[in-house]
Amino acid sequence: MKITGSVEQAMDIIDIIAFFAYKGKMGYYIHYVPGRIRIQTPFLHNNPRKAVEFETYIKGIKGIISVKSSIVAGSATMLFDEKVINCEQIIGILEKRGYFLLSKAETSDQVIKKATEKILEKL
């Protein structure tokens, strides 16, 4: 079988798996590839006012190219220039502002593993 599609499409699929894995229980999630970071956080979930605050603040950080949040998923995707700022710096800023807790976050690999285990249990 030949798989076609872009890396961006593959990342979107991973993010969708994470969204459904968290359905009904909002937690922290992080997915990083060079120049792109996606987080899921209770801070943004169903809170339009905080989402606007979040986007406004993040857009003001040097090196951030764009930010898009979803209050339904409680997530945000940030594109950034790695020559100006790196993932660790962004996470540090998010944690300092109370937007994110890395210590409670799961990665896409962890979410996929859990989802796979749940599926296999039902077979």
N, C-alpha and C. Protein backbone atom coordinates (compact mmCIF):
# COMPACT_ATOMS: atom_id res chain seq x y z
N MET A 1 0.84 -1.16 0.00
CA MET A 1 0.00 0.00 0.00
C MET A 1 0.90 1.24 0.00
N LYS A 2 0.59 2.17 -0.87
CA LYS A 2 1.35 3.42 -0.94
C LYS A 2 0.56 4.51 -0.24
N ILE A 3 1.24 5.20 0.67
CA ILE A 3 0.61 6.29 1.41
C ILE A 3 1.06 7.60 0.80
N THR A 4 0.10 8.45 0.50
CA THR A 4 0.44 9.75 -0.06
C THR A 4 -0.06 10.85 0.87
N GLY A 5 0.48 12.03 0.72
CA GLY A 5 0.05 13.16 1.53
C GLY A 5 1.26 13.89 2.08
N SER A 6 1.01 15.05 2.58
CA SER A 6 2.10 15.87 3.09
C SER A 6 2.37 15.57 4.56
N VAL A 7 3.50 16.03 5.03
CA VAL A 7 3.85 15.91 6.44
C VAL A 7 2.82 16.66 7.28
N GLU A 8 2.38 17.81 6.80
CA GLU A 8 1.38 18.61 7.50
C GLU A 8 0.07 17.81 7.65
N GLN A 9 -0.33 17.08 6.63
CA GLN A 9 -1.54 16.25 6.72
C GLN A 9 -1.36 15.15 7.76
N ALA A 10 -0.18 14.57 7.80
CA ALA A 10 0.10 13.53 8.80
C ALA A 10 0.03 14.09 10.21
N MET A 11 0.58 15.29 10.40
CA MET A 11 0.52 15.93 11.72
C MET A 11 -0.91 16.22 12.11
N ASP A 12 -1.72 16.65 11.15
CA ASP A 12 -3.13 16.92 11.43
C ASP A 12 -3.85 15.65 11.87
N ILE A 13 -3.52 14.53 11.27
CA ILE A 13 -4.13 13.25 11.64
C ILE A 13 -3.75 12.89 13.08
N ILE A 14 -2.50 13.08 13.43
CA ILE A 14 -2.05 12.81 14.80
C ILE A 14 -2.81 13.71 15.78
N ASP A 15 -2.97 14.97 15.42
CA ASP A 15 -3.70 15.91 16.27
C ASP A 15 -5.16 15.50 16.43
N ILE A 16 -5.77 14.98 15.38
CA ILE A 16 -7.16 14.52 15.46
C ILE A 16 -7.26 13.32 16.39
N ILE A 17 -6.32 12.40 16.30
CA ILE A 17 -6.30 11.25 17.21
C ILE A 17 -6.22 11.74 18.66
N ALA A 18 -5.37 12.71 18.90
CA ALA A 18 -5.23 13.26 20.26
C ALA A 18 -6.53 13.88 20.73
N PHE A 19 -7.19 14.61 19.84
CA PHE A 19 -8.45 15.25 20.20
C PHE A 19 -9.47 14.20 20.64
N PHE A 20 -9.63 13.13 19.87
CA PHE A 20 -10.62 12.12 20.21
C PHE A 20 -10.20 11.30 21.44
N ALA A 21 -8.91 11.15 21.64
CA ALA A 21 -8.44 10.43 22.82
C ALA A 21 -8.80 11.20 24.09
N TYR A 22 -8.85 12.52 24.02
CA TYR A 22 -9.17 13.35 25.17
C TYR A 22 -10.65 13.69 25.27
N LYS A 23 -11.44 13.26 24.31
CA LYS A 23 -12.86 13.61 24.30
C LYS A 23 -13.49 13.31 25.66
N GLY A 24 -14.10 14.33 26.24
CA GLY A 24 -14.76 14.17 27.52
C GLY A 24 -13.87 14.42 28.72
N LYS A 25 -12.57 14.49 28.52
CA LYS A 25 -11.67 14.74 29.64
C LYS A 25 -10.53 15.64 29.16
N MET A 26 -10.65 16.88 29.45
CA MET A 26 -9.66 17.84 28.98
C MET A 26 -8.37 17.69 29.77
N GLY A 27 -7.30 17.54 29.05
CA GLY A 27 -5.99 17.42 29.66
C GLY A 27 -4.99 18.28 28.91
N TYR A 28 -3.74 18.00 29.11
CA TYR A 28 -2.67 18.71 28.44
C TYR A 28 -2.03 17.78 27.42
N TYR A 29 -1.75 18.32 26.27
CA TYR A 29 -1.18 17.56 25.16
C TYR A 29 -0.22 18.48 24.42
N ILE A 30 0.85 17.90 23.90
CA ILE A 30 1.81 18.69 23.11
C ILE A 30 2.29 17.87 21.92
N HIS A 31 2.37 18.54 20.79
CA HIS A 31 2.94 17.92 19.59
C HIS A 31 3.84 18.97 18.95
N TYR A 32 5.09 18.58 18.73
CA TYR A 32 6.07 19.51 18.19
C TYR A 32 6.76 18.92 16.97
N VAL A 33 6.88 19.73 15.95
CA VAL A 33 7.77 19.48 14.82
C VAL A 33 8.48 20.81 14.56
N PRO A 34 9.62 20.79 13.93
CA PRO A 34 10.35 22.05 13.74
C PRO A 34 9.47 23.17 13.16
N GLY A 35 9.41 24.25 13.90
CA GLY A 35 8.67 25.43 13.44
C GLY A 35 7.18 25.40 13.73
N ARG A 36 6.70 24.32 14.37
CA ARG A 36 5.27 24.19 14.67
C ARG A 36 5.08 23.48 16.00
N ILE A 37 4.22 24.04 16.82
CA ILE A 37 3.88 23.41 18.08
C ILE A 37 2.36 23.47 18.25
N ARG A 38 1.79 22.38 18.71
CA ARG A 38 0.35 22.35 18.98
C ARG A 38 0.18 21.89 20.41
N ILE A 39 -0.62 22.63 21.17
CA ILE A 39 -0.90 22.25 22.54
C ILE A 39 -2.40 22.10 22.73
N GLN A 40 -2.76 21.32 23.72
CA GLN A 40 -4.14 21.26 24.17
C GLN A 40 -4.08 21.58 25.66
N THR A 41 -4.98 22.47 26.10
CA THR A 41 -4.95 22.94 27.48
C THR A 41 -6.33 23.31 27.97
N PRO A 42 -6.65 22.98 29.21
CA PRO A 42 -7.94 23.36 29.77
C PRO A 42 -8.14 24.88 29.79
N PHE A 43 -7.06 25.64 29.80
CA PHE A 43 -7.14 27.10 29.82
C PHE A 43 -7.98 27.63 28.65
N LEU A 44 -7.87 27.01 27.49
CA LEU A 44 -8.56 27.48 26.29
C LEU A 44 -9.93 26.85 26.08
N HIS A 45 -10.18 25.74 26.74
CA HIS A 45 -11.39 24.95 26.47
C HIS A 45 -12.66 25.72 26.83
N ASN A 46 -13.52 25.92 25.83
CA ASN A 46 -14.81 26.59 26.00
C ASN A 46 -14.72 27.96 26.65
N ASN A 47 -13.65 28.68 26.36
CA ASN A 47 -13.47 29.99 26.97
C ASN A 47 -13.00 31.00 25.92
N PRO A 48 -13.93 31.60 25.17
CA PRO A 48 -13.56 32.52 24.09
C PRO A 48 -12.74 33.72 24.58
N ARG A 49 -13.06 34.24 25.75
CA ARG A 49 -12.34 35.41 26.27
C ARG A 49 -10.86 35.07 26.51
N LYS A 50 -10.62 33.90 27.12
CA LYS A 50 -9.24 33.50 27.38
C LYS A 50 -8.51 33.14 26.09
N ALA A 51 -9.24 32.63 25.11
CA ALA A 51 -8.62 32.32 23.82
C ALA A 51 -8.13 33.60 23.13
N VAL A 52 -8.93 34.66 23.21
CA VAL A 52 -8.52 35.94 22.63
C VAL A 52 -7.31 36.48 23.38
N GLU A 53 -7.34 36.41 24.70
CA GLU A 53 -6.19 36.84 25.52
C GLU A 53 -4.93 36.07 25.13
N PHE A 54 -5.07 34.74 25.01
CA PHE A 54 -3.96 33.87 24.67
C PHE A 54 -3.38 34.26 23.31
N GLU A 55 -4.22 34.34 22.29
CA GLU A 55 -3.75 34.66 20.94
C GLU A 55 -3.08 36.03 20.90
N THR A 56 -3.67 37.01 21.56
CA THR A 56 -3.10 38.36 21.56
C THR A 56 -1.72 38.35 22.19
N TYR A 57 -1.58 37.66 23.31
CA TYR A 57 -0.28 37.61 23.99
C TYR A 57 0.76 36.88 23.14
N ILE A 58 0.39 35.71 22.63
CA ILE A 58 1.35 34.89 21.87
C ILE A 58 1.79 35.60 20.59
N LYS A 59 0.86 36.28 19.92
CA LYS A 59 1.23 37.00 18.69
C LYS A 59 2.26 38.09 18.95
N GLY A 60 2.34 38.56 20.19
CA GLY A 60 3.29 39.61 20.54
C GLY A 60 4.70 39.11 20.84
N ILE A 61 4.89 37.81 20.85
CA ILE A 61 6.21 37.24 21.14
C ILE A 61 7.06 37.24 19.87
N LYS A 62 8.26 37.76 20.00
CA LYS A 62 9.17 37.81 18.86
C LYS A 62 9.47 36.38 18.37
N GLY A 63 9.30 36.17 17.08
CA GLY A 63 9.56 34.87 16.47
C GLY A 63 8.31 34.07 16.18
N ILE A 64 7.18 34.46 16.78
CA ILE A 64 5.92 33.77 16.49
C ILE A 64 5.41 34.27 15.15
N ILE A 65 5.15 33.36 14.25
CA ILE A 65 4.66 33.70 12.91
C ILE A 65 3.14 33.76 12.91
N SER A 66 2.51 32.76 13.52
CA SER A 66 1.05 32.75 13.59
C SER A 66 0.60 31.90 14.77
N VAL A 67 -0.62 32.14 15.20
CA VAL A 67 -1.24 31.33 16.26
C VAL A 67 -2.72 31.22 15.95
N LYS A 68 -3.24 30.01 16.13
CA LYS A 68 -4.66 29.77 15.90
C LYS A 68 -5.14 28.87 17.03
N SER A 69 -6.20 29.30 17.69
CA SER A 69 -6.73 28.50 18.79
C SER A 69 -8.12 27.98 18.46
N SER A 70 -8.49 26.92 19.15
CA SER A 70 -9.82 26.33 19.03
C SER A 70 -10.38 26.15 20.44
N ILE A 71 -11.46 26.86 20.75
CA ILE A 71 -12.04 26.72 22.08
C ILE A 71 -12.78 25.39 22.22
N VAL A 72 -13.26 24.84 21.12
CA VAL A 72 -13.96 23.55 21.16
C VAL A 72 -12.98 22.45 21.58
N ALA A 73 -11.80 22.44 20.96
CA ALA A 73 -10.79 21.43 21.28
C ALA A 73 -9.89 21.84 22.43
N GLY A 74 -9.95 23.11 22.81
CA GLY A 74 -9.05 23.61 23.86
C GLY A 74 -7.60 23.56 23.41
N SER A 75 -7.39 23.87 22.13
CA SER A 75 -6.05 23.73 21.57
C SER A 75 -5.57 25.01 20.89
N ALA A 76 -4.28 25.04 20.65
CA ALA A 76 -3.68 26.14 19.91
C ALA A 76 -2.52 25.60 19.10
N THR A 77 -2.41 26.10 17.87
CA THR A 77 -1.29 25.76 17.00
C THR A 77 -0.50 27.02 16.73
N MET A 78 0.80 26.94 16.96
CA MET A 78 1.68 28.09 16.77
C MET A 78 2.77 27.74 15.78
N LEU A 79 2.96 28.61 14.80
CA LEU A 79 4.08 28.50 13.87
C LEU A 79 5.10 29.53 14.30
N PHE A 80 6.37 29.15 14.26
CA PHE A 80 7.39 30.06 14.74
C PHE A 80 8.70 29.91 13.98
N ASP A 81 9.51 30.95 14.05
CA ASP A 81 10.81 30.99 13.39
C ASP A 81 11.85 30.45 14.37
N GLU A 82 12.38 29.27 14.09
CA GLU A 82 13.34 28.64 15.00
C GLU A 82 14.67 29.38 15.09
N LYS A 83 14.91 30.30 14.19
CA LYS A 83 16.13 31.11 14.28
C LYS A 83 15.98 32.19 15.35
N VAL A 84 14.73 32.46 15.75
CA VAL A 84 14.45 33.52 16.72
C VAL A 84 14.06 32.95 18.08
N ILE A 85 13.26 31.90 18.09
CA ILE A 85 12.75 31.31 19.33
C ILE A 85 12.61 29.81 19.14
N ASN A 86 12.81 29.05 20.22
CA ASN A 86 12.68 27.59 20.08
C ASN A 86 11.50 27.07 20.91
N CYS A 87 11.21 25.80 20.74
CA CYS A 87 10.07 25.17 21.39
C CYS A 87 10.16 25.29 22.92
N GLU A 88 11.33 25.04 23.47
CA GLU A 88 11.51 25.10 24.92
C GLU A 88 11.22 26.50 25.46
N GLN A 89 11.64 27.51 24.73
CA GLN A 89 11.37 28.89 25.16
C GLN A 89 9.87 29.18 25.13
N ILE A 90 9.20 28.72 24.09
CA ILE A 90 7.75 28.94 23.99
C ILE A 90 7.03 28.25 25.13
N ILE A 91 7.39 27.00 25.40
CA ILE A 91 6.75 26.26 26.50
C ILE A 91 7.02 26.98 27.82
N GLY A 92 8.23 27.47 28.02
CA GLY A 92 8.55 28.21 29.23
C GLY A 92 7.65 29.43 29.40
N ILE A 93 7.44 30.15 28.32
CA ILE A 93 6.57 31.33 28.34
C ILE A 93 5.13 30.93 28.66
N LEU A 94 4.66 29.86 28.02
CA LEU A 94 3.30 29.39 28.25
C LEU A 94 3.10 28.97 29.71
N GLU A 95 4.08 28.28 30.26
CA GLU A 95 3.98 27.85 31.65
C GLU A 95 4.02 29.04 32.62
N LYS A 96 4.88 29.99 32.35
CA LYS A 96 5.01 31.16 33.21
C LYS A 96 3.69 31.94 33.27
N ARG A 97 2.97 31.99 32.15
CA ARG A 97 1.69 32.71 32.08
C ARG A 97 0.51 31.87 32.57
N GLY A 98 0.74 30.59 32.87
CA GLY A 98 -0.33 29.72 33.34
C GLY A 98 -1.18 29.13 32.24
N TYR A 99 -0.69 29.19 31.00
CA TYR A 99 -1.43 28.66 29.86
C TYR A 99 -1.25 27.15 29.68
N PHE A 100 -0.17 26.60 30.20
CA PHE A 100 0.19 25.22 29.90
C PHE A 100 1.02 24.63 31.03
N LEU A 101 0.88 23.31 31.24
CA LEU A 101 1.70 22.59 32.23
C LEU A 101 2.37 21.40 31.55
N LEU A 102 3.63 21.56 31.21
CA LEU A 102 4.36 20.50 30.52
C LEU A 102 4.42 19.22 31.35
N SER A 103 4.51 19.35 32.66
CA SER A 103 4.61 18.17 33.53
C SER A 103 3.36 17.29 33.46
N LYS A 104 2.24 17.84 33.03
CA LYS A 104 1.00 17.08 32.92
C LYS A 104 0.67 16.72 31.48
N ALA A 105 1.51 17.12 30.55
CA ALA A 105 1.21 16.93 29.12
C ALA A 105 1.62 15.56 28.62
N GLU A 106 0.81 15.05 27.70
CA GLU A 106 1.15 13.84 26.98
C GLU A 106 1.58 14.22 25.58
N THR A 107 2.46 13.42 25.01
CA THR A 107 2.91 13.64 23.64
C THR A 107 2.02 12.83 22.69
N SER A 108 2.17 13.11 21.41
CA SER A 108 1.39 12.37 20.42
C SER A 108 1.71 10.88 20.48
N ASP A 109 2.96 10.51 20.73
CA ASP A 109 3.32 9.10 20.83
C ASP A 109 2.57 8.42 21.97
N GLN A 110 2.48 9.10 23.12
CA GLN A 110 1.78 8.53 24.26
C GLN A 110 0.29 8.38 23.97
N VAL A 111 -0.30 9.38 23.34
CA VAL A 111 -1.73 9.34 23.02
C VAL A 111 -2.03 8.23 22.02
N ILE A 112 -1.21 8.09 21.00
CA ILE A 112 -1.40 7.05 19.99
C ILE A 112 -1.27 5.67 20.64
N LYS A 113 -0.30 5.51 21.52
CA LYS A 113 -0.11 4.23 22.20
C LYS A 113 -1.36 3.87 23.01
N LYS A 114 -1.87 4.82 23.78
CA LYS A 114 -3.08 4.57 24.59
C LYS A 114 -4.28 4.25 23.71
N ALA A 115 -4.44 5.01 22.63
CA ALA A 115 -5.58 4.78 21.73
C ALA A 115 -5.48 3.39 21.10
N THR A 116 -4.29 3.00 20.69
CA THR A 116 -4.07 1.69 20.09
C THR A 116 -4.38 0.58 21.08
N GLU A 117 -3.93 0.76 22.33
CA GLU A 117 -4.19 -0.25 23.35
C GLU A 117 -5.69 -0.40 23.60
N LYS A 118 -6.42 0.71 23.61
CA LYS A 118 -7.88 0.65 23.80
C LYS A 118 -8.55 -0.09 22.66
N ILE A 119 -8.11 0.17 21.44
CA ILE A 119 -8.68 -0.49 20.27
C ILE A 119 -8.40 -1.99 20.33
N LEU A 120 -7.17 -2.37 20.66
CA LEU A 120 -6.79 -3.78 20.73
C LEU A 120 -7.56 -4.52 21.82
N GLU A 121 -7.86 -3.84 22.93
CA GLU A 121 -8.64 -4.47 24.00
C GLU A 121 -10.03 -4.86 23.52
N LYS A 122 -10.58 -4.10 22.59
CA LYS A 122 -11.94 -4.33 22.12
C LYS A 122 -12.00 -5.37 21.00
N LEU A 123 -10.86 -5.79 20.49
CA LEU A 123 -10.86 -6.79 19.41
C LEU A 123 -11.04 -8.19 19.96
